[in-house]
């Protein structure tokens, strides 16, 4: 694990997210939000050994469904050690024609085997859906899921930025604004040779506007090409990011500069 960037409240580490989180626990470093889009494990080619299935420069996205679920559960049990009280995990996952049920197996195992549960599910509608699905019975996916995940005992107290619109005089009960669980944002920040599945900084900013407050620290365990860090920089939020790929870390640094 190597710190490769430390400026304006943004710290990037080239290394495995487990190593970074272990170090955070060692130094009692907490975060307020985890915002990430992990590898989806949507290929059917389990055990394939070709050049990373053309998606990432070093990651081979081909675990078994059971292996992927266990790996995710282990990650969430680490999140429990670094997330502040009433913190929020904003977790983007999707499915594919090759692996339609892996996402739900994983979500079920998070609920069963960790301290976390689902507070909300946000639908992310992309600007476009390519490639089109050529199957005779499968639909073309233009939406993905954003799971809002919190500790089970914080389901009524976790942080969000809903404004009070009125107060009932007799009871003092507050009424809050509507924020709909539907967000439209561009697909990504641009595919490149290192990462064919980059994330959307527009989406990240819209999500952070709902859940992040001033001086919050955001952690992305799968930083990729720096999308979450870019969104945090735009919103003047602190950010910690970890990424296995040295080349993608360097790409992120250039974006931040």
Protein backbone atom coordinates (compact mmCIF):
# COMPACT_ATOMS: atom_id res chain seq x y z
CA UNK A 1 0.00 0.00 0.00
CA UNK A 2 1.43 3.37 -1.04
CA UNK A 3 0.01 6.87 -0.61
CA UNK A 4 0.23 8.45 -4.06
CA UNK A 5 -1.70 11.71 -3.59
CA UNK A 6 -2.43 13.94 -0.60
CA UNK A 7 -3.75 17.41 -1.34
CA UNK A 8 -6.78 19.58 -0.51
CA UNK A 9 -8.37 16.92 1.69
CA UNK A 10 -8.03 14.16 -0.91
CA UNK A 11 -5.83 11.13 -0.21
CA UNK A 12 -5.30 8.35 -2.76
CA UNK A 13 -3.66 5.01 -2.02
CA UNK A 14 -2.33 2.48 -4.49
CA UNK A 15 -3.18 -0.80 -2.81
CA UNK A 16 -5.82 -3.30 -1.79
CA UNK A 17 -8.86 -1.84 -0.02
CA UNK A 18 -8.51 -4.36 2.83
CA UNK A 19 -4.99 -3.11 3.54
CA UNK A 20 -6.17 0.51 3.44
CA UNK A 21 -9.10 -0.18 5.76
CA UNK A 22 -6.88 -2.15 8.16
CA UNK A 23 -4.57 0.86 8.34
CA UNK A 24 -7.55 3.15 8.94
CA UNK A 25 -8.63 0.94 11.84
CA UNK A 26 -5.08 0.97 13.22
CA UNK A 27 -5.04 4.79 13.26
CA UNK A 28 -8.71 5.09 14.27
CA UNK A 29 -9.58 6.94 11.06
CA UNK A 30 -13.32 7.05 10.39
CA UNK A 31 -15.33 8.12 7.36
CA UNK A 32 -18.87 9.43 7.05
CA UNK A 33 -19.83 7.93 3.69
CA UNK A 34 -18.64 5.04 1.57
CA UNK A 35 -19.44 5.79 -2.07
CA UNK A 36 -18.36 3.26 -4.66
CA UNK A 37 -19.09 1.22 -7.74
CA UNK A 38 -17.25 -2.10 -7.32
CA UNK A 39 -16.54 -4.58 -10.10
CA UNK A 40 -19.93 -6.15 -10.88
CA UNK A 41 -18.71 -9.70 -11.56
CA UNK A 42 -21.16 -9.91 -14.46
CA UNK A 43 -19.15 -12.15 -16.80
CA UNK A 44 -20.19 -15.78 -17.23
CA UNK A 45 -16.61 -16.78 -17.96
CA UNK A 46 -15.67 -17.92 -14.47
CA UNK A 47 -12.04 -18.99 -14.45
CA UNK A 48 -11.24 -17.22 -17.72
CA UNK A 49 -7.64 -16.10 -17.92
CA UNK A 50 -7.57 -13.89 -21.01
CA UNK A 51 -6.55 -10.23 -20.74
CA UNK A 52 -8.94 -9.28 -17.91
CA UNK A 53 -11.95 -9.83 -20.18
CA UNK A 54 -11.23 -6.45 -21.76
CA UNK A 55 -12.64 -4.40 -18.86
CA UNK A 56 -9.79 -3.47 -16.50
CA UNK A 57 -6.04 -3.23 -16.77
CA UNK A 58 -5.29 -5.59 -13.86
CA UNK A 59 -8.57 -6.95 -12.43
CA UNK A 60 -10.03 -10.23 -13.71
CA UNK A 61 -13.78 -9.87 -13.08
CA UNK A 62 -14.67 -13.56 -13.00
CA UNK A 63 -15.36 -14.82 -9.47
CA UNK A 64 -17.99 -17.43 -8.82
CA UNK A 65 -21.28 -15.99 -7.53
CA UNK A 66 -20.59 -17.49 -4.10
CA UNK A 67 -17.01 -16.21 -4.07
CA UNK A 68 -18.08 -12.71 -5.07
CA UNK A 69 -20.75 -12.65 -2.39
CA UNK A 70 -18.33 -13.76 0.33
CA UNK A 71 -15.75 -11.20 -0.84
CA UNK A 72 -18.41 -8.46 -0.63
CA UNK A 73 -19.54 -9.57 2.83
CA UNK A 74 -15.92 -9.41 4.02
CA UNK A 75 -15.69 -5.86 2.64
CA UNK A 76 -18.86 -4.78 4.44
CA UNK A 77 -17.62 -6.22 7.72
CA UNK A 78 -14.57 -3.96 7.27
CA UNK A 79 -16.84 -1.01 6.48
CA UNK A 80 -18.42 -1.53 9.88
CA UNK A 81 -15.06 -0.74 11.50
CA UNK A 82 -14.39 2.51 9.62
CA UNK A 83 -17.85 4.06 9.22
CA UNK A 84 -18.90 6.76 11.66
CA UNK A 85 -22.13 6.49 13.63
CA UNK A 86 -25.10 7.12 11.31
CA UNK A 87 -22.83 6.85 8.29
CA UNK A 88 -24.12 5.77 4.88
CA UNK A 89 -22.82 3.32 2.27
CA UNK A 90 -23.81 4.27 -1.29
CA UNK A 91 -23.22 1.10 -3.30
CA UNK A 92 -23.78 0.79 -7.04
CA UNK A 93 -24.35 -2.72 -8.43
CA UNK A 94 -25.87 -4.13 -11.57
CA UNK A 95 -26.52 -7.39 -13.37
CA UNK A 96 -25.98 -8.71 -16.89
CA UNK A 97 -27.57 -11.14 -19.27
CA UNK A 98 -24.81 -13.55 -18.26
CA UNK A 99 -25.30 -13.15 -14.51
CA UNK A 100 -28.82 -12.01 -13.65
CA UNK A 101 -29.08 -13.20 -10.04
CA UNK A 102 -25.61 -12.62 -8.59
CA UNK A 103 -26.54 -9.10 -7.48
CA UNK A 104 -29.46 -10.38 -5.40
CA UNK A 105 -27.48 -13.24 -3.88
CA UNK A 106 -24.90 -10.68 -2.76
CA UNK A 107 -27.44 -8.22 -1.36
CA UNK A 108 -29.16 -11.03 0.54
CA UNK A 109 -25.86 -12.15 2.05
CA UNK A 110 -25.00 -8.58 3.10
CA UNK A 111 -28.28 -8.41 5.01
CA UNK A 112 -27.87 -11.89 6.52
CA UNK A 113 -24.18 -11.84 7.36
CA UNK A 114 -23.27 -8.24 8.24
CA UNK A 115 -24.40 -5.45 10.56
CA UNK A 116 -26.02 -3.64 7.61
CA UNK A 117 -29.36 -3.47 5.84
CA UNK A 118 -30.95 -1.68 2.90
CA UNK A 119 -32.43 1.74 3.72
CA UNK A 120 -33.29 2.80 0.16
CA UNK A 121 -32.81 1.71 -3.43
CA UNK A 122 -32.19 4.46 -5.97
CA UNK A 123 -32.73 3.92 -9.67
CA UNK A 124 -30.01 5.49 -11.80
CA UNK A 125 -31.22 6.17 -15.35
CA UNK A 126 -28.33 6.62 -17.74
CA UNK A 127 -28.31 8.98 -20.69
CA UNK A 128 -28.03 6.10 -23.13
CA UNK A 129 -28.01 2.31 -23.24
CA UNK A 130 -25.36 0.74 -25.44
CA UNK A 131 -24.99 -1.88 -26.65
CA UNK A 132 -28.62 -2.78 -27.27
CA UNK A 133 -29.68 -6.22 -26.09
CA UNK A 134 -30.09 -8.52 -29.10
CA UNK A 135 -31.79 -11.28 -27.13
CA UNK A 136 -35.29 -12.28 -28.21
CA UNK A 137 -36.61 -11.89 -24.64
CA UNK A 138 -34.17 -9.80 -22.54
CA UNK A 139 -34.62 -6.03 -22.25
CA UNK A 140 -31.95 -3.43 -22.92
CA UNK A 141 -30.81 -2.05 -19.56
CA UNK A 142 -30.72 1.73 -19.26
CA UNK A 143 -31.02 1.74 -15.45
CA UNK A 144 -28.81 0.54 -12.62
CA UNK A 145 -29.28 0.22 -8.86
CA UNK A 146 -27.79 2.38 -6.14
CA UNK A 147 -28.25 0.72 -2.75
CA UNK A 148 -28.33 2.97 0.32
CA UNK A 149 -27.00 0.73 3.06
CA UNK A 150 -26.86 1.57 6.78
CA UNK A 151 -26.37 -0.23 10.06
CA UNK A 152 -29.47 -2.09 11.16
CA UNK A 153 -29.70 -0.15 14.42
CA UNK A 154 -29.32 3.20 12.60
CA UNK A 155 -32.11 2.73 10.07
CA UNK A 156 -34.08 5.62 11.62
CA UNK A 157 -31.16 7.93 12.38
CA UNK A 158 -28.70 7.78 9.45
CA UNK A 159 -27.63 11.04 7.79
CA UNK A 160 -29.52 12.64 4.91
CA UNK A 161 -30.07 16.24 3.82
CA UNK A 162 -33.86 16.38 3.60
CA UNK A 163 -35.06 19.86 4.50
CA UNK A 164 -37.95 20.57 6.86
CA UNK A 165 -40.83 22.08 4.90
CA UNK A 166 -43.28 22.60 7.77
CA UNK A 167 -43.95 21.66 11.39
CA UNK A 168 -47.28 20.40 12.72
CA UNK A 169 -48.17 22.90 15.43
CA UNK A 170 -50.01 20.53 17.77
CA UNK A 171 -47.40 17.76 17.81
CA UNK A 172 -44.23 19.54 16.75
CA UNK A 173 -43.71 16.83 14.14
CA UNK A 174 -41.64 17.94 11.14
CA UNK A 175 -42.63 17.39 7.54
CA UNK A 176 -39.72 16.89 5.14
CA UNK A 177 -39.23 17.59 1.46
CA UNK A 178 -39.64 14.87 -1.13
CA UNK A 179 -36.45 13.54 -2.69
CA UNK A 180 -37.31 10.87 -5.23
CA UNK A 181 -35.34 7.64 -5.56
CA UNK A 182 -34.75 8.24 -9.26
CA UNK A 183 -31.65 10.01 -10.59
CA UNK A 184 -30.76 10.76 -14.19
CA UNK A 185 -27.05 11.17 -14.87
CA UNK A 186 -24.58 10.47 -17.63
CA UNK A 187 -23.22 6.94 -18.01
CA UNK A 188 -19.60 7.58 -17.08
CA UNK A 189 -16.66 9.97 -17.30
CA UNK A 190 -15.28 8.33 -20.40
CA UNK A 191 -13.95 4.86 -21.14
CA UNK A 192 -10.19 4.43 -21.54
CA UNK A 193 -7.65 1.66 -22.06
CA UNK A 194 -7.21 1.18 -18.31
CA UNK A 195 -10.88 0.98 -17.40
CA UNK A 196 -13.79 0.28 -19.73
CA UNK A 197 -16.31 0.68 -16.90
CA UNK A 198 -15.59 4.11 -15.41
CA UNK A 199 -18.08 5.77 -13.06
CA UNK A 200 -20.08 8.99 -13.41
CA UNK A 201 -18.94 12.07 -11.46
CA UNK A 202 -22.31 13.69 -12.27
CA UNK A 203 -24.04 10.81 -10.51
CA UNK A 204 -21.62 10.95 -7.57
CA UNK A 205 -22.24 14.66 -7.06
CA UNK A 206 -26.02 14.17 -7.09
CA UNK A 207 -25.74 11.36 -4.53
CA UNK A 208 -23.40 13.33 -2.29
CA UNK A 209 -25.74 16.31 -2.38
CA UNK A 210 -28.35 14.06 -0.77
CA UNK A 211 -26.21 12.46 1.92
CA UNK A 212 -23.00 14.45 2.50
CA UNK A 213 -22.58 17.41 4.81
CA UNK A 214 -19.81 19.98 5.15
CA UNK A 215 -16.50 18.51 6.33
CA UNK A 216 -17.64 14.93 5.67
CA UNK A 217 -15.02 12.40 4.60
CA UNK A 218 -15.93 10.04 1.76
CA UNK A 219 -14.21 6.70 1.11
CA UNK A 220 -14.14 4.88 -2.22
CA UNK A 221 -12.48 1.45 -1.93
CA UNK A 222 -12.51 0.98 -5.73
CA UNK A 223 -11.38 4.40 -6.92
CA UNK A 224 -10.61 3.38 -10.49
CA UNK A 225 -9.87 6.50 -12.53
CA UNK A 226 -10.71 8.88 -9.69
CA UNK A 227 -14.38 9.65 -10.29
CA UNK A 228 -15.41 9.88 -6.63
CA UNK A 229 -12.37 12.03 -5.83
CA UNK A 230 -13.25 14.41 -8.66
CA UNK A 231 -16.82 14.72 -7.36
CA UNK A 232 -15.54 15.36 -3.83
CA UNK A 233 -13.12 18.00 -5.08
CA UNK A 234 -15.97 19.74 -6.93
CA UNK A 235 -18.07 19.74 -3.74
CA UNK A 236 -15.21 20.63 -1.34
CA UNK A 237 -15.49 17.33 0.52
CA UNK A 238 -12.69 15.22 1.98
CA UNK A 239 -11.97 11.96 0.21
CA UNK A 240 -9.96 8.78 0.70
CA UNK A 241 -9.58 6.45 -2.26
CA UNK A 242 -7.88 3.10 -2.77
CA UNK A 243 -7.09 1.46 -6.09
CA UNK A 244 -5.08 -1.65 -6.99
CA UNK A 245 -3.93 -0.36 -10.37
CA UNK A 246 -0.89 1.92 -10.28
CA UNK A 247 -1.74 3.16 -13.77
CA UNK A 248 -5.29 4.09 -12.76
CA UNK A 249 -3.94 5.92 -9.70
CA UNK A 250 -1.71 7.96 -11.97
CA UNK A 251 -4.68 8.63 -14.25
CA UNK A 252 -6.66 9.87 -11.22
CA UNK A 253 -3.85 12.16 -10.12
CA UNK A 254 -3.74 13.80 -13.54
CA UNK A 255 -7.51 14.35 -13.41
CA UNK A 256 -7.25 15.97 -9.98
CA UNK A 257 -4.43 18.23 -11.13
